[in-house]
Amino acid sequence: MFDLPALREAATFVRQHVPPTAQHAWPLLAERLGCQVWVKHENHAPTGAFKVRGGLVYVRSRLASGKPPRGLVTATRGNHGQSMALAARQAGLPLVIVVPQGNSPEKNAAMRALGAELVEHGVDFDVAREEAARLAETLGYERVPSFHPELVRGVATYALELFEAVGELDCVYVPIGMGSGICGLIQARNLLGLRTQIVGVVSSAADAYAQSIEQGRIVTTATADTFADGMACRVPHPDAFALVQAHAARIVRVDDREIAAAMRLYHEATHNTAEGAGAAALAALIQERERQAGKRVTVVLSGANVDRERYARVLLGD
């Protein structure tokens, strides 16, 4: 996919736009979970999520190609869209983003504020993705996939920061949506020659990647009905599936109740806001805390972009 010099070059570029995010060991989390717990705070990135790294690197690669695009079209539930909107605005490229109907109003507002044109279409992300492909052809724009080597290279810069700051860890838990976050982590781990286990986390209501790993083939699901919209994927990407199958230790399922509990724990123990997907890694560690007793563990807090009303209900335990 990319080598270590290419990853370090991407990190140098990303750092011009995204200050390195903290990896902090929180005493209250350690006390509660019985292990050393670092949080990789991608919720502190400029768009509130790790995806911004990938968008910057991807758009740069398209501008450097022999034929830069007239414009871009992509589909998202929000964080990928914000990433692309920020990068496209900096590059002066028009961007159309397709989101499913009923998508997060606050994520939609953030994408519009970054200059993107928003189209609401379909019942979920995978239907929105089909509409994005149709619009790209109609407009003569380039369709941006949700998984691409340059997106992964950009995203992997968070993993490089983590491993270089903390050193070798026993385990890292990371949420899985389309797969760029876990694949970037796997590739960085492999390039650095570390033995750290990487555990992917999916919603039990959107577990296409878990089913695919269990059955050894791509499995799609009929629905992805979870409030953790960053993990609401029904159709795994083949390249991401192959990398996860080959290099992840396992995949853990967490349900919405467990995710909500992890969001509350983040607030209680660290006073950080986590969206549903952002709290999933911590939810998985809570589930496996006996397995990780006394170990050095990181959870990736991948994003903080949760609507205010939803977050208020979660904090109240509703």
Protein backbone atom coordinates (compact mmCIF):
# COMPACT_ATOMS: atom_id res chain seq x y z
CA MET A 1 0.00 0.00 0.00
CA PHE A 2 2.79 2.44 1.01
CA ASP A 3 6.18 2.20 2.66
CA LEU A 4 7.55 3.89 5.78
CA PRO A 5 9.23 6.82 3.96
CA ALA A 6 5.91 7.53 2.20
CA LEU A 7 4.09 7.45 5.53
CA ARG A 8 6.60 9.82 7.11
CA GLU A 9 6.29 12.15 4.11
CA ALA A 10 2.51 12.17 4.51
CA ALA A 11 2.91 12.93 8.22
CA THR A 12 5.12 15.93 7.42
CA PHE A 13 2.50 17.22 4.99
CA VAL A 14 -0.46 16.60 7.30
CA ARG A 15 1.33 18.36 10.15
CA GLN A 16 1.21 21.59 8.13
CA HIS A 17 -2.58 21.52 8.45
CA VAL A 18 -3.35 19.28 11.43
CA PRO A 19 -1.33 19.61 14.64
CA PRO A 20 -0.43 16.22 16.14
CA THR A 21 -3.20 15.03 18.43
CA ALA A 22 -2.51 13.93 21.99
CA GLN A 23 -2.26 10.38 23.27
CA HIS A 24 -2.98 10.64 26.94
CA ALA A 25 -2.99 8.00 29.67
CA TRP A 26 -6.03 8.73 31.84
CA PRO A 27 -5.75 7.62 35.50
CA LEU A 28 -9.50 7.23 36.00
CA LEU A 29 -9.78 4.96 32.97
CA ALA A 30 -6.89 2.88 34.29
CA GLU A 31 -8.56 2.68 37.70
CA ARG A 32 -11.90 1.68 36.19
CA LEU A 33 -10.51 -0.86 33.71
CA GLY A 34 -7.52 -2.37 35.46
CA CYS A 35 -4.95 -1.64 32.75
CA GLN A 36 -2.90 1.26 31.43
CA VAL A 37 -5.22 3.07 29.02
CA TRP A 38 -4.02 5.61 26.49
CA VAL A 39 -6.59 7.51 24.45
CA LYS A 40 -5.56 8.67 20.98
CA HIS A 41 -7.46 11.95 20.81
CA GLU A 42 -8.50 12.25 17.17
CA ASN A 43 -11.53 14.11 18.51
CA HIS A 44 -9.14 17.08 18.80
CA ALA A 45 -8.45 17.24 15.05
CA PRO A 46 -9.68 20.38 13.21
CA THR A 47 -12.88 18.71 11.94
CA GLY A 48 -13.39 16.79 15.17
CA ALA A 49 -12.39 13.46 13.63
CA PHE A 50 -9.45 11.48 12.27
CA LYS A 51 -10.70 11.53 8.68
CA VAL A 52 -9.34 15.02 8.01
CA ARG A 53 -5.87 13.52 7.56
CA GLY A 54 -7.00 11.31 4.71
CA GLY A 55 -8.86 13.99 2.82
CA LEU A 56 -5.84 16.28 2.75
CA VAL A 57 -3.52 13.60 1.39
CA TYR A 58 -6.06 12.32 -1.12
CA VAL A 59 -6.84 15.72 -2.63
CA ARG A 60 -3.14 16.56 -2.83
CA SER A 61 -2.59 13.37 -4.83
CA ARG A 62 -5.37 14.25 -7.25
CA LEU A 63 -3.97 17.75 -7.82
CA ALA A 64 -0.55 16.24 -8.50
CA SER A 65 -1.92 13.78 -11.04
CA GLY A 66 -1.53 14.46 -14.72
CA LYS A 67 -5.22 15.34 -14.99
CA PRO A 68 -6.62 17.16 -11.93
CA PRO A 69 -10.40 16.76 -11.52
CA ARG A 70 -12.95 19.46 -12.42
CA GLY A 71 -14.75 18.70 -9.20
CA LEU A 72 -15.35 15.94 -6.69
CA VAL A 73 -18.34 13.90 -5.52
CA THR A 74 -18.43 11.65 -2.48
CA ALA A 75 -20.82 9.99 -0.05
CA THR A 76 -20.59 10.12 3.72
CA ARG A 77 -22.32 10.08 7.08
CA GLY A 78 -20.27 13.14 8.02
CA ASN A 79 -16.64 12.80 9.05
CA HIS A 80 -15.29 11.74 5.65
CA GLY A 81 -17.39 14.52 4.14
CA GLN A 82 -15.95 17.17 6.43
CA SER A 83 -12.48 15.92 5.61
CA MET A 84 -13.10 16.19 1.88
CA ALA A 85 -14.84 19.56 2.21
CA LEU A 86 -11.89 21.10 4.06
CA ALA A 87 -9.38 19.70 1.57
CA ALA A 88 -11.46 20.64 -1.49
CA ARG A 89 -11.95 24.18 -0.21
CA GLN A 90 -8.21 24.59 0.27
CA ALA A 91 -7.64 23.26 -3.26
CA GLY A 92 -10.36 25.43 -4.83
CA LEU A 93 -12.30 22.41 -6.09
CA PRO A 94 -16.10 22.20 -6.11
CA LEU A 95 -17.41 19.33 -4.02
CA VAL A 96 -20.80 17.59 -3.94
CA ILE A 97 -21.50 15.38 -0.94
CA VAL A 98 -24.33 12.85 -0.82
CA VAL A 99 -25.67 11.95 2.62
CA PRO A 100 -28.57 9.64 3.48
CA GLN A 101 -31.89 11.17 4.39
CA GLY A 102 -32.14 11.87 8.10
CA ASN A 103 -28.39 12.31 8.45
CA SER A 104 -26.97 14.22 11.41
CA PRO A 105 -28.11 17.87 11.10
CA GLU A 106 -24.98 19.13 12.82
CA LYS A 107 -22.64 17.15 10.57
CA ASN A 108 -24.60 18.38 7.56
CA ALA A 109 -24.23 21.97 8.75
CA ALA A 110 -20.50 21.52 9.25
CA MET A 111 -20.02 20.22 5.70
CA ARG A 112 -22.00 23.11 4.24
CA ALA A 113 -19.99 25.58 6.32
CA LEU A 114 -16.83 24.17 4.73
CA GLY A 115 -18.24 24.98 1.29
CA ALA A 116 -19.65 21.64 0.12
CA GLU A 117 -22.92 21.26 -1.78
CA LEU A 118 -25.03 18.70 0.06
CA VAL A 119 -27.49 16.25 -1.50
CA GLU A 120 -29.69 14.09 0.75
CA HIS A 121 -30.57 10.76 -0.84
CA GLY A 122 -31.44 7.23 0.23
CA VAL A 123 -32.09 5.33 3.42
CA ASP A 124 -28.47 4.71 4.38
CA PHE A 125 -24.84 5.31 3.45
CA ASP A 126 -24.60 2.54 0.89
CA VAL A 127 -27.59 3.89 -1.08
CA ALA A 128 -26.09 7.39 -0.86
CA ARG A 129 -22.85 5.97 -2.25
CA GLU A 130 -24.68 4.67 -5.32
CA GLU A 131 -26.19 8.12 -5.88
CA ALA A 132 -22.74 9.71 -5.57
CA ALA A 133 -21.49 7.48 -8.41
CA ARG A 134 -24.44 8.54 -10.60
CA LEU A 135 -23.94 12.25 -9.85
CA ALA A 136 -20.22 12.05 -10.60
CA GLU A 137 -20.95 10.69 -14.05
CA THR A 138 -23.68 13.27 -14.69
CA LEU A 139 -21.56 16.24 -13.58
CA GLY A 140 -18.30 15.05 -15.07
CA TYR A 141 -16.71 15.16 -11.62
CA GLU A 142 -14.45 12.58 -10.02
CA ARG A 143 -16.06 10.25 -7.50
CA VAL A 144 -14.10 10.00 -4.28
CA PRO A 145 -14.29 6.55 -2.71
CA SER A 146 -14.60 6.06 1.03
CA PHE A 147 -11.60 3.73 0.94
CA HIS A 148 -8.47 4.48 -1.11
CA PRO A 149 -4.71 4.00 -0.55
CA GLU A 150 -4.14 7.75 -0.31
CA LEU A 151 -6.96 8.13 2.21
CA VAL A 152 -5.39 5.33 4.23
CA ARG A 153 -1.91 6.87 3.99
CA GLY A 154 -3.23 10.14 5.36
CA VAL A 155 -5.20 8.47 8.13
CA ALA A 156 -2.20 6.30 9.07
CA THR A 157 -0.38 9.41 10.25
CA TYR A 158 -2.37 9.25 13.49
CA ALA A 159 -1.03 5.75 14.08
CA LEU A 160 2.54 6.87 13.42
CA GLU A 161 2.09 9.65 15.99
CA LEU A 162 0.71 7.18 18.51
CA PHE A 163 3.40 4.53 18.17
CA GLU A 164 6.26 7.03 18.11
CA ALA A 165 4.93 8.77 21.23
CA VAL A 166 4.02 5.74 23.32
CA GLY A 167 6.15 2.92 21.95
CA GLU A 168 5.04 -0.69 21.73
CA LEU A 169 1.61 -1.40 23.15
CA ASP A 170 -0.03 -4.68 23.93
CA CYS A 171 -3.22 -3.81 22.08
CA VAL A 172 -5.03 -1.02 20.23
CA TYR A 173 -8.81 -0.97 19.81
CA VAL A 174 -10.12 0.91 16.76
CA PRO A 175 -13.61 1.30 15.26
CA ILE A 176 -14.37 0.07 11.75
CA GLY A 177 -16.58 1.95 9.30
CA MET A 178 -15.33 1.51 5.74
CA GLY A 179 -11.92 0.51 7.09
CA SER A 180 -9.44 3.35 6.58
CA GLY A 181 -8.84 3.82 10.31
CA ILE A 182 -7.99 0.21 11.10
CA CYS A 183 -6.05 -0.28 7.86
CA GLY A 184 -3.92 2.79 8.52
CA LEU A 185 -3.21 1.49 12.01
CA ILE A 186 -2.32 -1.99 10.71
CA GLN A 187 -0.01 -0.63 8.02
CA ALA A 188 1.80 1.71 10.43
CA ARG A 189 2.20 -1.10 12.98
CA ASN A 190 3.59 -3.43 10.32
CA LEU A 191 5.99 -0.85 8.88
CA LEU A 192 7.38 -0.10 12.33
CA GLY A 193 7.85 -3.80 13.05
CA LEU A 194 5.76 -3.78 16.22
CA ARG A 195 3.93 -6.73 17.76
CA THR A 196 0.95 -4.73 19.03
CA GLN A 197 -2.36 -6.51 18.58
CA ILE A 198 -4.96 -4.53 16.66
CA VAL A 199 -8.60 -5.22 17.48
CA GLY A 200 -11.34 -3.90 15.22
CA VAL A 201 -14.67 -2.84 16.68
CA VAL A 202 -18.03 -2.92 14.90
CA SER A 203 -21.59 -2.26 15.92
CA SER A 204 -23.56 -5.43 16.55
CA ALA A 205 -26.26 -3.83 14.36
CA ALA A 206 -23.78 -3.16 11.52
CA ASP A 207 -21.44 -6.12 11.68
CA ALA A 208 -20.67 -6.80 8.01
CA TYR A 209 -16.92 -6.80 8.66
CA ALA A 210 -17.26 -9.19 11.60
CA GLN A 211 -19.42 -11.57 9.60
CA SER A 212 -17.02 -11.35 6.68
CA ILE A 213 -14.03 -12.26 8.83
CA GLU A 214 -15.93 -15.13 10.44
CA GLN A 215 -17.02 -16.56 7.08
CA GLY A 216 -13.81 -15.80 5.18
CA ARG A 217 -15.60 -13.89 2.42
CA ILE A 218 -17.31 -10.55 1.86
CA VAL A 219 -20.68 -10.57 3.60
CA THR A 220 -23.16 -7.71 3.26
CA THR A 221 -25.99 -6.99 5.66
CA ALA A 222 -29.50 -5.79 4.93
CA THR A 223 -29.40 -2.96 7.49
CA ALA A 224 -26.96 -0.94 9.57
CA ASP A 225 -29.28 0.41 12.22
CA THR A 226 -27.05 2.02 14.85
CA PHE A 227 -26.80 5.57 16.17
CA ALA A 228 -23.01 5.19 15.78
CA ASP A 229 -23.25 6.41 12.20
CA GLY A 230 -19.49 6.26 11.61
CA MET A 231 -19.76 2.46 11.76
CA ALA A 232 -23.04 2.10 9.84
CA CYS A 233 -21.58 0.12 6.94
CA ARG A 234 -23.41 -2.71 5.17
CA VAL A 235 -20.88 -3.48 2.42
CA PRO A 236 -17.20 -4.04 3.32
CA HIS A 237 -14.53 -2.82 0.93
CA PRO A 238 -12.61 -5.80 -0.52
CA ASP A 239 -9.15 -4.27 0.01
CA ALA A 240 -9.93 -3.29 3.58
CA PHE A 241 -11.41 -6.71 4.28
CA ALA A 242 -8.26 -8.42 2.98
CA LEU A 243 -5.95 -6.34 5.17
CA VAL A 244 -8.10 -6.77 8.27
CA GLN A 245 -8.46 -10.49 7.65
CA ALA A 246 -4.71 -10.90 7.35
CA HIS A 247 -3.50 -8.64 10.14
CA ALA A 248 -6.14 -7.85 12.79
CA ALA A 249 -6.17 -9.95 15.96
CA ARG A 250 -9.96 -10.13 16.08
CA ILE A 251 -13.14 -8.08 15.73
CA VAL A 252 -15.36 -7.24 18.68
CA ARG A 253 -19.05 -6.41 18.43
CA VAL A 254 -20.54 -3.73 20.70
CA ASP A 255 -24.17 -2.67 20.87
CA ASP A 256 -25.65 0.81 21.18
CA ARG A 257 -26.13 0.40 24.93
CA GLU A 258 -22.44 -0.38 25.39
CA ILE A 259 -21.44 2.51 23.13
CA ALA A 260 -23.60 4.94 25.11
CA ALA A 261 -22.02 3.73 28.36
CA ALA A 262 -18.56 4.36 26.90
CA MET A 263 -19.58 7.87 25.84
CA ARG A 264 -20.63 8.55 29.42
CA LEU A 265 -17.38 7.11 30.77
CA TYR A 266 -15.35 9.34 28.48
CA HIS A 267 -17.19 12.33 29.88
CA GLU A 268 -16.86 11.21 33.50
CA ALA A 269 -13.22 10.14 33.36
CA THR A 270 -11.72 12.56 30.82
CA HIS A 271 -14.33 15.27 30.13
CA ASN A 272 -14.01 14.54 26.41
CA THR A 273 -16.92 14.32 24.00
CA ALA A 274 -17.10 11.16 21.90
CA GLU A 275 -19.52 10.39 19.10
CA GLY A 276 -20.87 6.86 18.86
CA ALA A 277 -18.13 5.46 16.62
CA GLY A 278 -15.58 7.43 18.62
CA ALA A 279 -16.59 5.64 21.82
CA ALA A 280 -16.78 2.16 20.28
CA ALA A 281 -13.15 1.28 20.97
CA LEU A 282 -13.57 2.07 24.66
CA ALA A 283 -16.80 0.05 24.71
CA ALA A 284 -14.86 -2.94 23.37
CA LEU A 285 -12.13 -2.52 25.99
CA ILE A 286 -14.76 -2.39 28.72
CA GLN A 287 -16.16 -5.65 27.34
CA GLU A 288 -12.68 -7.23 27.33
CA ARG A 289 -11.24 -5.60 30.45
CA GLU A 290 -10.45 -8.92 32.15
CA ARG A 291 -8.51 -10.03 29.07
CA GLN A 292 -6.44 -6.81 29.18
CA ALA A 293 -5.76 -6.71 32.93
CA GLY A 294 -2.39 -5.13 33.66
CA LYS A 295 -1.56 -4.50 29.99
CA ARG A 296 -0.68 -1.39 27.97
CA VAL A 297 -3.71 -0.58 25.83
CA THR A 298 -4.82 2.26 23.55
CA VAL A 299 -8.33 3.14 22.45
CA VAL A 300 -8.79 5.37 19.41
CA LEU A 301 -11.27 8.16 20.11
CA SER A 302 -11.87 8.67 16.42
CA GLY A 303 -14.37 11.53 16.54
CA ALA A 304 -16.50 13.87 18.63
CA ASN A 305 -19.16 14.87 16.11
CA VAL A 306 -22.35 13.93 17.91
CA ASP A 307 -25.49 16.07 17.73
CA ARG A 308 -26.20 18.01 20.91
CA GLU A 309 -29.65 16.51 21.49
CA ARG A 310 -28.38 12.96 21.00
CA TYR A 311 -25.45 13.58 23.34
CA ALA A 312 -27.72 15.05 26.01
CA ARG A 313 -29.91 11.94 25.92
CA VAL A 314 -26.87 9.68 26.14
CA LEU A 315 -25.44 11.54 29.14
CA LEU A 316 -28.81 11.31 30.87
CA GLY A 317 -28.91 7.58 30.20
CA ASP A 318 -32.01 7.75 28.00
